[in-house]
Amino acid sequence: MELIPFENTWPYEKLGNDIYIEKCPYCSEDHVLTDLKVDDVEEMKDEVKKLLVMPCCHANMTIIQADDDYFWTTEPLRKRGDKR
């Protein structure tokens, strides 16, 4: 797989079986509960692509891969140098 730039990442949090995003990269809504579950993240760790429709603003995030802390996406979600 081609190297994905860090600008194309976004952090997420696990709480029980739920997946949260602290701040939506599209509308800046705080503490967004996604429809993803821990099993979905485990599939993404094996490079199974998922489409996440943000419940706050209905923007689409295509997740190519996940690790224990970040979603790796098809688009830049942060400015270069942003360590969020």
N, C-alpha and C. Protein backbone atom coordinates (compact mmCIF):
# COMPACT_ATOMS: atom_id res chain seq x y z
N MET A 1 0.84 -1.18 0.00
CA MET A 1 0.00 0.00 0.00
C MET A 1 0.88 1.25 0.00
N GLU A 2 0.42 2.25 -0.70
CA GLU A 2 1.13 3.52 -0.79
C GLU A 2 1.09 4.22 0.57
N LEU A 3 2.16 4.93 0.90
CA LEU A 3 2.24 5.66 2.16
C LEU A 3 1.20 6.77 2.19
N ILE A 4 0.41 6.81 3.25
CA ILE A 4 -0.64 7.82 3.42
C ILE A 4 -0.07 8.97 4.25
N PRO A 5 -0.20 10.22 3.79
CA PRO A 5 0.35 11.34 4.56
C PRO A 5 -0.42 11.55 5.87
N PHE A 6 0.29 12.07 6.88
CA PHE A 6 -0.33 12.29 8.19
C PHE A 6 -1.50 13.28 8.11
N GLU A 7 -1.50 14.18 7.14
CA GLU A 7 -2.60 15.12 6.95
C GLU A 7 -3.92 14.40 6.68
N ASN A 8 -3.82 13.14 6.25
CA ASN A 8 -5.01 12.34 5.93
C ASN A 8 -5.44 11.46 7.10
N THR A 9 -5.09 11.86 8.31
CA THR A 9 -5.47 11.07 9.48
C THR A 9 -6.39 11.88 10.39
N TRP A 10 -7.16 11.15 11.20
CA TRP A 10 -7.99 11.80 12.19
C TRP A 10 -8.09 10.88 13.40
N PRO A 11 -7.90 11.42 14.62
CA PRO A 11 -7.93 10.58 15.82
C PRO A 11 -9.35 10.14 16.18
N TYR A 12 -9.43 9.00 16.82
CA TYR A 12 -10.71 8.49 17.31
C TYR A 12 -10.49 7.89 18.69
N GLU A 13 -11.58 7.67 19.41
CA GLU A 13 -11.54 7.09 20.75
C GLU A 13 -12.51 5.92 20.82
N LYS A 14 -12.14 4.89 21.56
CA LYS A 14 -13.03 3.76 21.83
C LYS A 14 -13.58 3.92 23.23
N LEU A 15 -14.87 3.72 23.39
CA LEU A 15 -15.51 3.70 24.70
C LEU A 15 -16.49 2.53 24.69
N GLY A 16 -16.11 1.45 25.36
CA GLY A 16 -16.90 0.22 25.26
C GLY A 16 -16.80 -0.30 23.85
N ASN A 17 -17.94 -0.52 23.21
CA ASN A 17 -17.97 -0.98 21.82
C ASN A 17 -18.23 0.18 20.85
N ASP A 18 -18.30 1.41 21.38
CA ASP A 18 -18.60 2.58 20.56
C ASP A 18 -17.32 3.31 20.16
N ILE A 19 -17.39 3.98 19.01
CA ILE A 19 -16.28 4.76 18.48
C ILE A 19 -16.72 6.23 18.42
N TYR A 20 -15.92 7.07 19.06
CA TYR A 20 -16.18 8.52 19.10
C TYR A 20 -15.08 9.26 18.37
N ILE A 21 -15.45 10.41 17.83
CA ILE A 21 -14.48 11.36 17.30
C ILE A 21 -14.61 12.61 18.15
N GLU A 22 -13.50 13.04 18.72
CA GLU A 22 -13.51 14.17 19.66
C GLU A 22 -14.04 15.45 19.01
N LYS A 23 -13.61 15.72 17.77
CA LYS A 23 -14.07 16.91 17.05
C LYS A 23 -14.20 16.57 15.58
N CYS A 24 -15.36 16.82 15.01
CA CYS A 24 -15.60 16.53 13.59
C CYS A 24 -14.67 17.40 12.74
N PRO A 25 -13.95 16.79 11.79
CA PRO A 25 -13.04 17.58 10.94
C PRO A 25 -13.78 18.45 9.93
N TYR A 26 -15.08 18.24 9.76
CA TYR A 26 -15.85 18.99 8.76
C TYR A 26 -16.64 20.16 9.37
N CYS A 27 -17.31 19.93 10.51
CA CYS A 27 -18.16 20.98 11.09
C CYS A 27 -17.72 21.40 12.50
N SER A 28 -16.70 20.74 13.06
CA SER A 28 -16.14 21.04 14.37
C SER A 28 -17.05 20.69 15.55
N GLU A 29 -18.07 19.90 15.32
CA GLU A 29 -18.92 19.41 16.42
C GLU A 29 -18.05 18.59 17.38
N ASP A 30 -18.28 18.75 18.68
CA ASP A 30 -17.53 18.04 19.70
C ASP A 30 -18.19 16.71 20.07
N HIS A 31 -17.35 15.74 20.45
CA HIS A 31 -17.79 14.45 21.01
C HIS A 31 -18.83 13.76 20.12
N VAL A 32 -18.44 13.41 18.92
CA VAL A 32 -19.34 12.81 17.94
C VAL A 32 -19.33 11.28 18.08
N LEU A 33 -20.48 10.71 18.39
CA LEU A 33 -20.65 9.26 18.43
C LEU A 33 -20.90 8.79 17.01
N THR A 34 -20.02 7.94 16.49
CA THR A 34 -20.18 7.43 15.12
C THR A 34 -21.02 6.15 15.15
N ASP A 35 -21.37 5.66 13.99
CA ASP A 35 -22.08 4.39 13.92
C ASP A 35 -21.11 3.21 13.82
N LEU A 36 -19.80 3.49 13.88
CA LEU A 36 -18.80 2.44 13.83
C LEU A 36 -18.70 1.73 15.18
N LYS A 37 -18.35 0.47 15.13
CA LYS A 37 -18.12 -0.34 16.33
C LYS A 37 -16.69 -0.84 16.32
N VAL A 38 -16.25 -1.39 17.43
CA VAL A 38 -14.89 -1.90 17.56
C VAL A 38 -14.59 -2.93 16.48
N ASP A 39 -15.55 -3.78 16.15
CA ASP A 39 -15.35 -4.78 15.08
C ASP A 39 -15.05 -4.12 13.74
N ASP A 40 -15.70 -2.98 13.45
CA ASP A 40 -15.42 -2.25 12.21
C ASP A 40 -13.98 -1.76 12.18
N VAL A 41 -13.51 -1.24 13.32
CA VAL A 41 -12.13 -0.75 13.39
C VAL A 41 -11.15 -1.90 13.19
N GLU A 42 -11.44 -3.05 13.77
CA GLU A 42 -10.57 -4.21 13.58
C GLU A 42 -10.49 -4.60 12.10
N GLU A 43 -11.59 -4.52 11.38
CA GLU A 43 -11.57 -4.78 9.93
C GLU A 43 -10.72 -3.75 9.20
N MET A 44 -10.85 -2.48 9.60
CA MET A 44 -10.07 -1.42 8.95
C MET A 44 -8.58 -1.58 9.21
N LYS A 45 -8.22 -2.16 10.34
CA LYS A 45 -6.80 -2.43 10.61
C LYS A 45 -6.24 -3.41 9.60
N ASP A 46 -7.11 -4.23 9.01
CA ASP A 46 -6.71 -5.17 7.96
C ASP A 46 -6.92 -4.58 6.58
N GLU A 47 -7.00 -3.24 6.51
CA GLU A 47 -7.12 -2.48 5.26
C GLU A 47 -8.43 -2.72 4.53
N VAL A 48 -9.52 -2.93 5.28
CA VAL A 48 -10.86 -2.99 4.70
C VAL A 48 -11.42 -1.58 4.75
N LYS A 49 -11.71 -1.03 3.57
CA LYS A 49 -12.19 0.35 3.45
C LYS A 49 -13.61 0.48 4.02
N LYS A 50 -13.88 1.60 4.70
CA LYS A 50 -15.22 1.88 5.24
C LYS A 50 -15.59 3.32 4.93
N LEU A 51 -16.87 3.54 4.69
CA LEU A 51 -17.40 4.90 4.52
C LEU A 51 -18.07 5.29 5.83
N LEU A 52 -17.63 6.39 6.40
CA LEU A 52 -18.23 6.91 7.62
C LEU A 52 -18.98 8.18 7.26
N VAL A 53 -20.30 8.16 7.46
CA VAL A 53 -21.11 9.36 7.28
C VAL A 53 -21.22 10.00 8.66
N MET A 54 -20.68 11.19 8.79
CA MET A 54 -20.66 11.87 10.08
C MET A 54 -22.10 12.21 10.48
N PRO A 55 -22.54 11.77 11.65
CA PRO A 55 -23.93 12.01 12.06
C PRO A 55 -24.24 13.48 12.33
N CYS A 56 -23.22 14.29 12.60
CA CYS A 56 -23.43 15.70 12.92
C CYS A 56 -23.72 16.56 11.68
N CYS A 57 -23.02 16.29 10.58
CA CYS A 57 -23.14 17.15 9.40
C CYS A 57 -23.33 16.37 8.10
N HIS A 58 -23.34 15.05 8.18
CA HIS A 58 -23.56 14.15 7.04
C HIS A 58 -22.45 14.19 6.00
N ALA A 59 -21.28 14.71 6.37
CA ALA A 59 -20.12 14.66 5.49
C ALA A 59 -19.61 13.22 5.42
N ASN A 60 -19.03 12.85 4.29
CA ASN A 60 -18.52 11.50 4.09
C ASN A 60 -17.02 11.44 4.30
N MET A 61 -16.58 10.47 5.11
CA MET A 61 -15.16 10.22 5.33
C MET A 61 -14.89 8.79 4.86
N THR A 62 -14.04 8.65 3.86
CA THR A 62 -13.66 7.32 3.40
C THR A 62 -12.39 6.91 4.14
N ILE A 63 -12.53 5.88 4.98
CA ILE A 63 -11.42 5.41 5.80
C ILE A 63 -10.76 4.24 5.09
N ILE A 64 -9.49 4.39 4.78
CA ILE A 64 -8.73 3.37 4.08
C ILE A 64 -8.19 2.33 5.06
N GLN A 65 -7.79 2.82 6.23
CA GLN A 65 -7.13 1.96 7.21
C GLN A 65 -7.26 2.61 8.58
N ALA A 66 -7.09 1.82 9.63
CA ALA A 66 -7.08 2.35 10.99
C ALA A 66 -5.92 1.74 11.75
N ASP A 67 -5.45 2.47 12.76
CA ASP A 67 -4.53 1.89 13.72
C ASP A 67 -5.19 2.07 15.09
N ASP A 68 -4.46 1.95 16.15
CA ASP A 68 -5.06 2.04 17.49
C ASP A 68 -5.51 3.45 17.86
N ASP A 69 -5.05 4.46 17.12
CA ASP A 69 -5.35 5.85 17.47
C ASP A 69 -5.99 6.68 16.36
N TYR A 70 -5.72 6.33 15.10
CA TYR A 70 -6.11 7.18 13.99
C TYR A 70 -6.84 6.41 12.90
N PHE A 71 -7.74 7.14 12.22
CA PHE A 71 -8.29 6.70 10.94
C PHE A 71 -7.40 7.30 9.87
N TRP A 72 -7.07 6.52 8.86
CA TRP A 72 -6.27 6.97 7.71
C TRP A 72 -7.24 7.06 6.53
N THR A 73 -7.37 8.26 5.96
CA THR A 73 -8.43 8.54 5.00
C THR A 73 -7.91 8.87 3.60
N THR A 74 -8.84 9.05 2.69
CA THR A 74 -8.50 9.37 1.29
C THR A 74 -8.27 10.86 1.06
N GLU A 75 -8.52 11.69 2.07
CA GLU A 75 -8.42 13.14 1.88
C GLU A 75 -7.70 13.80 3.05
N PRO A 76 -7.08 14.94 2.81
CA PRO A 76 -6.47 15.68 3.91
C PRO A 76 -7.55 16.23 4.85
N LEU A 77 -7.40 15.97 6.13
CA LEU A 77 -8.36 16.44 7.12
C LEU A 77 -7.77 17.48 8.05
N ARG A 78 -6.49 17.73 7.94
CA ARG A 78 -5.81 18.70 8.80
C ARG A 78 -4.78 19.45 7.98
N LYS A 79 -4.38 20.59 8.49
CA LYS A 79 -3.34 21.38 7.83
C LYS A 79 -1.99 20.77 8.16
N ARG A 80 -1.06 20.92 7.28
CA ARG A 80 0.29 20.41 7.48
C ARG A 80 0.85 20.96 8.80
N GLY A 81 1.37 20.08 9.63
CA GLY A 81 1.93 20.49 10.90
C GLY A 81 0.95 20.43 12.06
N ASP A 82 -0.35 20.23 11.80
CA ASP A 82 -1.36 20.13 12.85
C ASP A 82 -1.22 18.77 13.53
N LYS A 83 -0.97 18.74 14.82
CA LYS A 83 -0.73 17.49 15.55
C LYS A 83 -1.95 17.01 16.31
N ARG A 84 -3.11 17.53 16.02
CA ARG A 84 -4.34 17.18 16.73
C ARG A 84 -4.57 15.71 16.76
